[in-house]
Amino acid sequence: MNTLQVCLDSGAKKVLLPITSAVDLGTVPSELIGCFNIIFYQSAEDAVFKALGVE
């Protein structure tokens, strides 16, 4: 099952993804991508800051 579909089914509004996964979004239906605020991160530290809303 697609990870983003699980996120949608769980009620997620924002999704943090590693920047290296950006190329894989081409295989995801656009209507599924449009359900989220997708936030990309470059490192674990960057992910923590973005998850906490700290820039």
N, C-alpha and C. Protein backbone atom coordinates (compact mmCIF):
# COMPACT_ATOMS: atom_id res chain seq x y z
N MET A 1 0.85 -1.19 0.00
CA MET A 1 0.00 0.00 0.00
C MET A 1 0.89 1.25 0.00
N ASN A 2 0.47 2.24 -0.70
CA ASN A 2 1.22 3.47 -0.81
C ASN A 2 1.26 4.19 0.54
N THR A 3 2.44 4.65 0.92
CA THR A 3 2.62 5.33 2.20
C THR A 3 1.75 6.58 2.30
N LEU A 4 1.64 7.34 1.23
CA LEU A 4 0.82 8.54 1.27
C LEU A 4 -0.66 8.20 1.45
N GLN A 5 -1.10 7.07 0.92
CA GLN A 5 -2.48 6.65 1.11
C GLN A 5 -2.73 6.33 2.58
N VAL A 6 -1.77 5.70 3.23
CA VAL A 6 -1.89 5.42 4.67
C VAL A 6 -1.95 6.73 5.46
N CYS A 7 -1.13 7.70 5.07
CA CYS A 7 -1.16 9.02 5.73
C CYS A 7 -2.53 9.66 5.58
N LEU A 8 -3.09 9.61 4.38
CA LEU A 8 -4.41 10.19 4.12
C LEU A 8 -5.47 9.48 4.96
N ASP A 9 -5.42 8.16 4.99
CA ASP A 9 -6.40 7.38 5.75
C ASP A 9 -6.30 7.66 7.25
N SER A 10 -5.11 8.08 7.70
CA SER A 10 -4.90 8.38 9.11
C SER A 10 -5.23 9.82 9.47
N GLY A 11 -5.58 10.63 8.46
CA GLY A 11 -5.97 12.02 8.71
C GLY A 11 -4.84 13.02 8.66
N ALA A 12 -3.69 12.64 8.14
CA ALA A 12 -2.54 13.56 8.07
C ALA A 12 -2.83 14.71 7.12
N LYS A 13 -2.34 15.88 7.48
CA LYS A 13 -2.47 17.06 6.63
C LYS A 13 -1.11 17.50 6.08
N LYS A 14 -0.05 17.21 6.84
CA LYS A 14 1.32 17.54 6.44
C LYS A 14 2.13 16.25 6.41
N VAL A 15 3.05 16.18 5.44
CA VAL A 15 3.91 15.01 5.32
C VAL A 15 5.34 15.49 5.13
N LEU A 16 6.25 14.99 5.95
CA LEU A 16 7.67 15.28 5.79
C LEU A 16 8.29 14.17 4.95
N LEU A 17 8.98 14.55 3.89
CA LEU A 17 9.64 13.59 3.02
C LEU A 17 11.09 13.99 2.80
N PRO A 18 11.97 13.01 2.70
CA PRO A 18 13.35 13.36 2.35
C PRO A 18 13.40 13.89 0.92
N ILE A 19 14.25 14.84 0.69
CA ILE A 19 14.35 15.47 -0.63
C ILE A 19 14.68 14.44 -1.71
N THR A 20 15.34 13.36 -1.32
CA THR A 20 15.69 12.32 -2.29
C THR A 20 14.45 11.58 -2.80
N SER A 21 13.33 11.71 -2.12
CA SER A 21 12.08 11.06 -2.55
C SER A 21 11.29 11.92 -3.52
N ALA A 22 11.73 13.13 -3.78
CA ALA A 22 11.00 14.04 -4.67
C ALA A 22 10.82 13.43 -6.06
N VAL A 23 11.80 12.69 -6.54
CA VAL A 23 11.69 12.09 -7.87
C VAL A 23 10.61 11.01 -7.92
N ASP A 24 10.31 10.39 -6.79
CA ASP A 24 9.29 9.34 -6.73
C ASP A 24 7.87 9.88 -6.78
N LEU A 25 7.70 11.17 -6.54
CA LEU A 25 6.35 11.75 -6.54
C LEU A 25 5.70 11.68 -7.92
N GLY A 26 6.50 11.51 -8.95
CA GLY A 26 5.96 11.38 -10.29
C GLY A 26 5.10 10.13 -10.48
N THR A 27 5.25 9.18 -9.58
CA THR A 27 4.48 7.93 -9.67
C THR A 27 3.23 7.95 -8.80
N VAL A 28 3.04 9.05 -8.05
CA VAL A 28 1.89 9.17 -7.15
C VAL A 28 0.80 9.98 -7.84
N PRO A 29 -0.45 9.53 -7.78
CA PRO A 29 -1.54 10.29 -8.40
C PRO A 29 -1.62 11.72 -7.85
N SER A 30 -1.82 12.68 -8.73
CA SER A 30 -1.83 14.09 -8.33
C SER A 30 -2.93 14.39 -7.33
N GLU A 31 -4.08 13.71 -7.42
CA GLU A 31 -5.15 13.97 -6.45
C GLU A 31 -4.75 13.54 -5.05
N LEU A 32 -3.85 12.56 -4.93
CA LEU A 32 -3.36 12.15 -3.61
C LEU A 32 -2.35 13.16 -3.08
N ILE A 33 -1.46 13.62 -3.95
CA ILE A 33 -0.46 14.61 -3.55
C ILE A 33 -1.14 15.91 -3.11
N GLY A 34 -2.23 16.27 -3.78
CA GLY A 34 -2.94 17.51 -3.47
C GLY A 34 -3.62 17.51 -2.11
N CYS A 35 -3.68 16.38 -1.46
CA CYS A 35 -4.32 16.28 -0.14
C CYS A 35 -3.41 16.72 0.99
N PHE A 36 -2.14 16.94 0.69
CA PHE A 36 -1.15 17.21 1.74
C PHE A 36 -0.37 18.49 1.51
N ASN A 37 0.16 19.00 2.60
CA ASN A 37 1.20 20.00 2.55
C ASN A 37 2.49 19.18 2.67
N ILE A 38 3.19 18.99 1.57
CA ILE A 38 4.40 18.16 1.56
C ILE A 38 5.59 19.05 1.86
N ILE A 39 6.35 18.65 2.87
CA ILE A 39 7.52 19.40 3.31
C ILE A 39 8.75 18.51 3.13
N PHE A 40 9.71 18.98 2.38
CA PHE A 40 10.93 18.21 2.14
C PHE A 40 12.02 18.60 3.12
N TYR A 41 12.81 17.61 3.50
CA TYR A 41 13.95 17.86 4.38
C TYR A 41 15.20 17.23 3.78
N GLN A 42 16.36 17.76 4.22
CA GLN A 42 17.64 17.29 3.66
C GLN A 42 18.42 16.43 4.63
N SER A 43 18.18 16.58 5.93
CA SER A 43 18.90 15.80 6.93
C SER A 43 17.96 15.53 8.10
N ALA A 44 18.39 14.66 9.00
CA ALA A 44 17.57 14.36 10.17
C ALA A 44 17.35 15.62 11.01
N GLU A 45 18.38 16.43 11.14
CA GLU A 45 18.26 17.67 11.90
C GLU A 45 17.26 18.61 11.24
N ASP A 46 17.33 18.73 9.93
CA ASP A 46 16.40 19.56 9.17
C ASP A 46 14.97 19.06 9.36
N ALA A 47 14.78 17.75 9.37
CA ALA A 47 13.44 17.17 9.57
C ALA A 47 12.89 17.53 10.94
N VAL A 48 13.72 17.47 11.96
CA VAL A 48 13.27 17.82 13.32
C VAL A 48 12.83 19.27 13.37
N PHE A 49 13.65 20.16 12.84
CA PHE A 49 13.28 21.59 12.84
C PHE A 49 11.99 21.84 12.10
N LYS A 50 11.82 21.21 10.96
CA LYS A 50 10.61 21.42 10.16
C LYS A 50 9.40 20.79 10.84
N ALA A 51 9.57 19.66 11.50
CA ALA A 51 8.46 19.03 12.20
C ALA A 51 8.00 19.90 13.37
N LEU A 52 8.92 20.59 13.99
CA LEU A 52 8.60 21.47 15.11
C LEU A 52 8.17 22.87 14.66
N GLY A 53 8.31 23.15 13.36
CA GLY A 53 7.94 24.46 12.84
C GLY A 53 8.98 25.52 13.10
N VAL A 54 10.22 25.08 13.31
CA VAL A 54 11.33 26.01 13.57
C VAL A 54 12.17 26.09 12.31
N GLU A 55 12.45 27.29 11.86
CA GLU A 55 13.27 27.45 10.64
C GLU A 55 14.67 27.84 10.98
